[in-house]
């Protein structure tokens, strides 16, 4: 899951070398934190949060395959 989100995030930003994705798991809850360069924050969130919502949708769809509840946090 971490690799999937990392690959998506790196394709969206201007500084892919500054993208850091961390994940932690407690039971069936998987929390993924995305850190990007401050100048790329708008590209990861998108207009009215559309890109962030799309990333969350993909992650939740991938999580249902493994019976996981996936939470995505975008950290500045």
PDB file of N, CA and C in Angstrom:
ATOM      1  N   UNK A   1       0.824  -1.191   0.000  1.00  0.00           N
ATOM      2  CA  UNK A   1       0.000   0.000   0.000  1.00  0.00           C
ATOM      3  C   UNK A   1       0.870   1.257   0.000  1.00  0.00           C
ATOM      4  N   UNK A   2       1.936   1.224   0.783  1.00  0.00           N
ATOM      5  CA  UNK A   2       2.844   2.366   0.865  1.00  0.00           C
ATOM      6  C   UNK A   2       3.436   2.681  -0.510  1.00  0.00           C
ATOM      7  N   UNK A   3       3.826   1.636  -1.238  1.00  0.00           N
ATOM      8  CA  UNK A   3       4.421   1.840  -2.561  1.00  0.00           C
ATOM      9  C   UNK A   3       3.422   2.440  -3.542  1.00  0.00           C
ATOM     10  N   UNK A   4       2.167   2.015  -3.450  1.00  0.00           N
ATOM     11  CA  UNK A   4       1.122   2.545  -4.317  1.00  0.00           C
ATOM     12  C   UNK A   4       0.950   4.045  -4.100  1.00  0.00           C
ATOM     13  N   UNK A   5       0.818   4.454  -2.857  1.00  0.00           N
ATOM     14  CA  UNK A   5       0.611   5.873  -2.539  1.00  0.00           C
ATOM     15  C   UNK A   5       1.855   6.686  -2.885  1.00  0.00           C
ATOM     16  N   UNK A   6       3.040   6.129  -2.628  1.00  0.00           N
ATOM     17  CA  UNK A   6       4.289   6.823  -2.966  1.00  0.00           C
ATOM     18  C   UNK A   6       4.382   7.057  -4.464  1.00  0.00           C
ATOM     19  N   UNK A   7       4.048   6.057  -5.253  1.00  0.00           N
ATOM     20  CA  UNK A   7       4.104   6.190  -6.703  1.00  0.00           C
ATOM     21  C   UNK A   7       3.121   7.242  -7.205  1.00  0.00           C
ATOM     22  N   UNK A   8       1.918   7.243  -6.684  1.00  0.00           N
ATOM     23  CA  UNK A   8       0.914   8.238  -7.084  1.00  0.00           C
ATOM     24  C   UNK A   8       1.385   9.641  -6.719  1.00  0.00           C
ATOM     25  N   UNK A   9       1.857   9.813  -5.489  1.00  0.00           N
ATOM     26  CA  UNK A   9       2.276  11.142  -5.017  1.00  0.00           C
ATOM     27  C   UNK A   9       3.461  11.672  -5.822  1.00  0.00           C
ATOM     28  N   UNK A  10       4.420  10.815  -6.123  1.00  0.00           N
ATOM     29  CA  UNK A  10       5.601  11.266  -6.878  1.00  0.00           C
ATOM     30  C   UNK A  10       5.240  11.722  -8.282  1.00  0.00           C
ATOM     31  N   UNK A  11       4.212  11.143  -8.874  1.00  0.00           N
ATOM     32  CA  UNK A  11       3.799  11.537 -10.216  1.00  0.00           C
ATOM     33  C   UNK A  11       3.103  12.899 -10.233  1.00  0.00           C
ATOM     34  N   UNK A  12       2.590  13.333  -9.103  1.00  0.00           N
ATOM     35  CA  UNK A  12       1.812  14.565  -9.047  1.00  0.00           C
ATOM     36  C   UNK A  12       2.635  15.817  -8.757  1.00  0.00           C
ATOM     37  N   UNK A  13       3.787  15.674  -8.119  1.00  0.00           N
ATOM     38  CA  UNK A  13       4.525  16.830  -7.605  1.00  0.00           C
ATOM     39  C   UNK A  13       5.706  17.210  -8.506  1.00  0.00           C
ATOM     40  N   UNK A  14       6.231  18.427  -8.273  1.00  0.00           N
ATOM     41  CA  UNK A  14       7.408  18.897  -9.004  1.00  0.00           C
ATOM     42  C   UNK A  14       8.702  18.416  -8.366  1.00  0.00           C
ATOM     43  N   UNK A  15       8.680  18.116  -7.064  1.00  0.00           N
ATOM     44  CA  UNK A  15       9.872  17.671  -6.343  1.00  0.00           C
ATOM     45  C   UNK A  15       9.643  16.254  -5.795  1.00  0.00           C
ATOM     46  N   UNK A  16       9.702  15.233  -6.656  1.00  0.00           N
ATOM     47  CA  UNK A  16       9.396  13.877  -6.195  1.00  0.00           C
ATOM     48  C   UNK A  16      10.399  13.325  -5.185  1.00  0.00           C
ATOM     49  N   UNK A  17      11.607  13.895  -5.160  1.00  0.00           N
ATOM     50  CA  UNK A  17      12.610  13.420  -4.207  1.00  0.00           C
ATOM     51  C   UNK A  17      12.269  13.814  -2.767  1.00  0.00           C
ATOM     52  N   UNK A  18      11.362  14.772  -2.587  1.00  0.00           N
ATOM     53  CA  UNK A  18      10.971  15.221  -1.252  1.00  0.00           C
ATOM     54  C   UNK A  18       9.692  14.561  -0.739  1.00  0.00           C
ATOM     55  N   UNK A  19       9.169  13.596  -1.473  1.00  0.00           N
ATOM     56  CA  UNK A  19       7.957  12.903  -1.051  1.00  0.00           C
ATOM     57  C   UNK A  19       8.334  11.787  -0.080  1.00  0.00           C
ATOM     58  N   UNK A  20       7.701  11.797   1.087  1.00  0.00           N
ATOM     59  CA  UNK A  20       7.927  10.757   2.097  1.00  0.00           C
ATOM     60  C   UNK A  20       6.565  10.200   2.489  1.00  0.00           C
ATOM     61  N   UNK A  21       6.446   8.878   2.426  1.00  0.00           N
ATOM     62  CA  UNK A  21       5.206   8.212   2.801  1.00  0.00           C
ATOM     63  C   UNK A  21       5.511   7.244   3.936  1.00  0.00           C
ATOM     64  N   UNK A  22       4.823   7.421   5.053  1.00  0.00           N
ATOM     65  CA  UNK A  22       4.967   6.540   6.219  1.00  0.00           C
ATOM     66  C   UNK A  22       3.635   5.856   6.466  1.00  0.00           C
ATOM     67  N   UNK A  23       3.699   4.624   6.956  1.00  0.00           N
ATOM     68  CA  UNK A  23       2.465   3.942   7.303  1.00  0.00           C
ATOM     69  C   UNK A  23       2.590   3.295   8.672  1.00  0.00           C
ATOM     70  N   UNK A  24       1.479   3.262   9.379  1.00  0.00           N
ATOM     71  CA  UNK A  24       1.415   2.574  10.662  1.00  0.00           C
ATOM     72  C   UNK A  24       0.114   1.789  10.696  1.00  0.00           C
ATOM     73  N   UNK A  25       0.168   0.648  11.360  1.00  0.00           N
ATOM     74  CA  UNK A  25      -0.994  -0.229  11.381  1.00  0.00           C
ATOM     75  C   UNK A  25      -1.319  -0.629  12.808  1.00  0.00           C
ATOM     76  N   UNK A  26      -2.591  -0.492  13.146  1.00  0.00           N
ATOM     77  CA  UNK A  26      -3.099  -0.938  14.443  1.00  0.00           C
ATOM     78  C   UNK A  26      -4.332  -1.787  14.170  1.00  0.00           C
ATOM     79  N   UNK A  27      -4.176  -3.085  14.298  1.00  0.00           N
ATOM     80  CA  UNK A  27      -5.289  -3.987  13.996  1.00  0.00           C
ATOM     81  C   UNK A  27      -5.610  -3.947  12.518  1.00  0.00           C
ATOM     82  N   UNK A  28      -6.857  -3.613  12.198  1.00  0.00           N
ATOM     83  CA  UNK A  28      -7.237  -3.525  10.793  1.00  0.00           C
ATOM     84  C   UNK A  28      -7.321  -2.083  10.301  1.00  0.00           C
ATOM     85  N   UNK A  29      -6.716  -1.149  11.036  1.00  0.00           N
ATOM     86  CA  UNK A  29      -6.682   0.259  10.643  1.00  0.00           C
ATOM     87  C   UNK A  29      -5.266   0.607  10.182  1.00  0.00           C
ATOM     88  N   UNK A  30      -5.159   1.036   8.942  1.00  0.00           N
ATOM     89  CA  UNK A  30      -3.885   1.429   8.362  1.00  0.00           C
ATOM     90  C   UNK A  30      -3.897   2.940   8.163  1.00  0.00           C
ATOM     91  N   UNK A  31      -2.923   3.628   8.762  1.00  0.00           N
ATOM     92  CA  UNK A  31      -2.810   5.074   8.619  1.00  0.00           C
ATOM     93  C   UNK A  31      -1.581   5.381   7.778  1.00  0.00           C
ATOM     94  N   UNK A  32      -1.788   6.140   6.712  1.00  0.00           N
ATOM     95  CA  UNK A  32      -0.700   6.511   5.809  1.00  0.00           C
ATOM     96  C   UNK A  32      -0.537   8.021   5.865  1.00  0.00           C
ATOM     97  N   UNK A  33       0.695   8.474   6.112  1.00  0.00           N
ATOM     98  CA  UNK A  33       1.016   9.901   6.166  1.00  0.00           C
ATOM     99  C   UNK A  33       1.850  10.269   4.954  1.00  0.00           C
ATOM    100  N   UNK A  34       1.428  11.302   4.240  1.00  0.00           N
ATOM    101  CA  UNK A  34       2.147  11.779   3.063  1.00  0.00           C
ATOM    102  C   UNK A  34       2.770  13.125   3.397  1.00  0.00           C
ATOM    103  N   UNK A  35       4.090  13.208   3.275  1.00  0.00           N
ATOM    104  CA  UNK A  35       4.809  14.465   3.464  1.00  0.00           C
ATOM    105  C   UNK A  35       5.360  14.900   2.110  1.00  0.00           C
ATOM    106  N   UNK A  36       5.091  16.135   1.728  1.00  0.00           N
ATOM    107  CA  UNK A  36       5.616  16.675   0.471  1.00  0.00           C
ATOM    108  C   UNK A  36       6.255  18.025   0.734  1.00  0.00           C
ATOM    109  N   UNK A  37       6.995  18.499  -0.244  1.00  0.00           N
ATOM    110  CA  UNK A  37       7.591  19.831  -0.177  1.00  0.00           C
ATOM    111  C   UNK A  37       6.457  20.852  -0.049  1.00  0.00           C
ATOM    112  N   UNK A  38       6.639  21.893   0.762  1.00  0.00           N
ATOM    113  CA  UNK A  38       5.563  22.887   0.931  1.00  0.00           C
ATOM    114  C   UNK A  38       5.087  23.510  -0.386  1.00  0.00           C
ATOM    115  N   UNK A  39       5.969  23.630  -1.367  1.00  0.00           N
ATOM    116  CA  UNK A  39       5.553  24.201  -2.648  1.00  0.00           C
ATOM    117  C   UNK A  39       4.669  23.245  -3.452  1.00  0.00           C
ATOM    118  N   UNK A  40       4.684  21.974  -3.111  1.00  0.00           N
ATOM    119  CA  UNK A  40       3.876  20.971  -3.813  1.00  0.00           C
ATOM    120  C   UNK A  40       2.582  20.632  -3.088  1.00  0.00           C
ATOM    121  N   UNK A  41       2.309  21.274  -1.979  1.00  0.00           N
ATOM    122  CA  UNK A  41       1.135  20.945  -1.185  1.00  0.00           C
ATOM    123  C   UNK A  41      -0.155  21.126  -1.994  1.00  0.00           C
ATOM    124  N   UNK A  42      -0.243  22.169  -2.771  1.00  0.00           N
ATOM    125  CA  UNK A  42      -1.436  22.412  -3.574  1.00  0.00           C
ATOM    126  C   UNK A  42      -1.657  21.356  -4.634  1.00  0.00           C
ATOM    127  N   UNK A  43      -0.573  20.803  -5.158  1.00  0.00           N
ATOM    128  CA  UNK A  43      -0.693  19.776  -6.193  1.00  0.00           C
ATOM    129  C   UNK A  43      -1.193  18.460  -5.618  1.00  0.00           C
ATOM    130  N   UNK A  44      -0.843  18.175  -4.379  1.00  0.00           N
ATOM    131  CA  UNK A  44      -1.282  16.932  -3.748  1.00  0.00           C
ATOM    132  C   UNK A  44      -2.733  17.053  -3.276  1.00  0.00           C
ATOM    133  N   UNK A  45      -3.148  18.247  -2.881  1.00  0.00           N
ATOM    134  CA  UNK A  45      -4.518  18.443  -2.405  1.00  0.00           C
ATOM    135  C   UNK A  45      -5.473  18.694  -3.573  1.00  0.00           C
ATOM    136  N   UNK A  46      -5.072  19.516  -4.518  1.00  0.00           N
ATOM    137  CA  UNK A  46      -5.913  19.809  -5.674  1.00  0.00           C
ATOM    138  C   UNK A  46      -6.987  20.831  -5.363  1.00  0.00           C
ATOM    139  N   UNK A  47      -7.659  21.275  -6.410  1.00  0.00           N
ATOM    140  CA  UNK A  47      -8.739  22.247  -6.235  1.00  0.00           C
ATOM    141  C   UNK A  47      -9.876  21.603  -5.459  1.00  0.00           C
ATOM    142  N   UNK A  48     -10.272  22.275  -4.404  1.00  0.00           N
ATOM    143  CA  UNK A  48     -11.345  21.826  -3.517  1.00  0.00           C
ATOM    144  C   UNK A  48     -11.103  20.412  -2.987  1.00  0.00           C
ATOM    145  N   UNK A  49      -9.826  20.010  -2.914  1.00  0.00           N
ATOM    146  CA  UNK A  49      -9.477  18.718  -2.338  1.00  0.00           C
ATOM    147  C   UNK A  49      -9.752  17.524  -3.226  1.00  0.00           C
ATOM    148  N   UNK A  50      -9.912  17.747  -4.505  1.00  0.00           N
ATOM    149  CA  UNK A  50     -10.273  16.650  -5.410  1.00  0.00           C
ATOM    150  C   UNK A  50      -9.172  15.606  -5.549  1.00  0.00           C
ATOM    151  N   UNK A  51      -7.918  16.032  -5.636  1.00  0.00           N
ATOM    152  CA  UNK A  51      -6.819  15.072  -5.777  1.00  0.00           C
ATOM    153  C   UNK A  51      -6.677  14.257  -4.497  1.00  0.00           C
ATOM    154  N   UNK A  52      -6.735  14.918  -3.350  1.00  0.00           N
ATOM    155  CA  UNK A  52      -6.644  14.213  -2.069  1.00  0.00           C
ATOM    156  C   UNK A  52      -7.783  13.202  -1.926  1.00  0.00           C
ATOM    157  N   UNK A  53      -8.969  13.584  -2.344  1.00  0.00           N
ATOM    158  CA  UNK A  53     -10.114  12.673  -2.272  1.00  0.00           C
ATOM    159  C   UNK A  53      -9.899  11.468  -3.187  1.00  0.00           C
ATOM    160  N   UNK A  54      -9.339  11.702  -4.359  1.00  0.00           N
ATOM    161  CA  UNK A  54      -9.076  10.603  -5.289  1.00  0.00           C
ATOM    162  C   UNK A  54      -8.029   9.643  -4.731  1.00  0.00           C
ATOM    163  N   UNK A  55      -6.987  10.180  -4.091  1.00  0.00           N
ATOM    164  CA  UNK A  55      -5.965   9.333  -3.472  1.00  0.00           C
ATOM    165  C   UNK A  55      -6.596   8.497  -2.360  1.00  0.00           C
ATOM    166  N   UNK A  56      -7.441   9.116  -1.559  1.00  0.00           N
ATOM    167  CA  UNK A  56      -8.116   8.380  -0.483  1.00  0.00           C
ATOM    168  C   UNK A  56      -9.027   7.285  -1.035  1.00  0.00           C
ATOM    169  N   UNK A  57      -9.703   7.569  -2.138  1.00  0.00           N
ATOM    170  CA  UNK A  57     -10.593   6.578  -2.752  1.00  0.00           C
ATOM    171  C   UNK A  57      -9.805   5.368  -3.244  1.00  0.00           C
ATOM    172  N   UNK A  58      -8.680   5.614  -3.901  1.00  0.00           N
ATOM    173  CA  UNK A  58      -7.841   4.514  -4.389  1.00  0.00           C
ATOM    174  C   UNK A  58      -7.305   3.696  -3.221  1.00  0.00           C
ATOM    175  N   UNK A  59      -6.863   4.375  -2.170  1.00  0.00           N
ATOM    176  CA  UNK A  59      -6.317   3.673  -1.005  1.00  0.00           C
ATOM    177  C   UNK A  59      -7.389   2.833  -0.309  1.00  0.00           C
ATOM    178  N   UNK A  60      -8.585   3.385  -0.181  1.00  0.00           N
ATOM    179  CA  UNK A  60      -9.663   2.626   0.464  1.00  0.00           C
ATOM    180  C   UNK A  60     -10.062   1.419  -0.375  1.00  0.00           C
ATOM    181  N   UNK A  61     -10.059   1.571  -1.700  1.00  0.00           N
ATOM    182  CA  UNK A  61     -10.387   0.444  -2.576  1.00  0.00           C
ATOM    183  C   UNK A  61      -9.335  -0.651  -2.453  1.00  0.00           C
ATOM    184  N   UNK A  62      -8.072  -0.259  -2.392  1.00  0.00           N
ATOM    185  CA  UNK A  62      -7.006  -1.252  -2.226  1.00  0.00           C
ATOM    186  C   UNK A  62      -7.069  -1.884  -0.839  1.00  0.00           C
ATOM    187  N   UNK A  63      -7.482  -1.137   0.149  1.00  0.00           N
ATOM    188  CA  UNK A  63      -7.576  -1.653   1.512  1.00  0.00           C
ATOM    189  C   UNK A  63      -8.694  -2.659   1.701  1.00  0.00           C
ATOM    190  N   UNK A  64      -9.776  -2.508   0.960  1.00  0.00           N
ATOM    191  CA  UNK A  64     -10.883  -3.449   1.107  1.00  0.00           C
ATOM    192  C   UNK A  64     -10.490  -4.853   0.675  1.00  0.00           C
ATOM    193  N   UNK A  65      -9.532  -4.950  -0.208  1.00  0.00           N
ATOM    194  CA  UNK A  65      -9.042  -6.256  -0.649  1.00  0.00           C
ATOM    195  C   UNK A  65      -8.418  -7.030   0.512  1.00  0.00           C
ATOM    196  N   UNK A  66      -7.815  -6.298   1.447  1.00  0.00           N
ATOM    197  CA  UNK A  66      -7.157  -6.907   2.606  1.00  0.00           C
ATOM    198  C   UNK A  66      -7.948  -6.691   3.897  1.00  0.00           C
ATOM    199  N   UNK A  67      -9.200  -6.273   3.784  1.00  0.00           N
ATOM    200  CA  UNK A  67     -10.056  -5.981   4.943  1.00  0.00           C
ATOM    201  C   UNK A  67      -9.430  -4.957   5.881  1.00  0.00           C
ATOM    202  N   UNK A  68      -8.895  -3.881   5.310  1.00  0.00           N
ATOM    203  CA  UNK A  68      -8.284  -2.809   6.088  1.00  0.00           C
ATOM    204  C   UNK A  68      -9.088  -1.527   5.931  1.00  0.00           C
ATOM    205  N   UNK A  69      -9.147  -0.770   7.014  1.00  0.00           N
ATOM    206  CA  UNK A  69      -9.677   0.577   6.949  1.00  0.00           C
ATOM    207  C   UNK A  69      -8.476   1.497   6.770  1.00  0.00           C
ATOM    208  N   UNK A  70      -8.435   2.243   5.695  1.00  0.00           N
ATOM    209  CA  UNK A  70      -7.273   3.060   5.355  1.00  0.00           C
ATOM    210  C   UNK A  70      -7.581   4.527   5.597  1.00  0.00           C
ATOM    211  N   UNK A  71      -6.698   5.198   6.338  1.00  0.00           N
ATOM    212  CA  UNK A  71      -6.790   6.644   6.571  1.00  0.00           C
ATOM    213  C   UNK A  71      -5.577   7.296   5.940  1.00  0.00           C
ATOM    214  N   UNK A  72      -5.779   8.356   5.170  1.00  0.00           N
ATOM    215  CA  UNK A  72      -4.686   9.083   4.533  1.00  0.00           C
ATOM    216  C   UNK A  72      -4.591  10.451   5.184  1.00  0.00           C
ATOM    217  N   UNK A  73      -3.408  10.793   5.685  1.00  0.00           N
ATOM    218  CA  UNK A  73      -3.154  12.118   6.258  1.00  0.00           C
ATOM    219  C   UNK A  73      -2.101  12.803   5.401  1.00  0.00           C
ATOM    220  N   UNK A  74      -2.399  14.025   4.968  1.00  0.00           N
ATOM    221  CA  UNK A  74      -1.429  14.820   4.225  1.00  0.00           C
ATOM    222  C   UNK A  74      -0.840  15.811   5.204  1.00  0.00           C
ATOM    223  N   UNK A  75       0.450  15.676   5.463  1.00  0.00           N
ATOM    224  CA  UNK A  75       1.132  16.445   6.498  1.00  0.00           C
ATOM    225  C   UNK A  75       1.951  17.539   5.837  1.00  0.00           C
ATOM    226  N   UNK A  76       1.886  18.748   6.392  1.00  0.00           N
ATOM    227  CA  UNK A  76       2.707  19.839   5.859  1.00  0.00           C
ATOM    228  C   UNK A  76       3.983  20.009   6.614  1.00  0.00           C
TER     229      UNK A  76
END
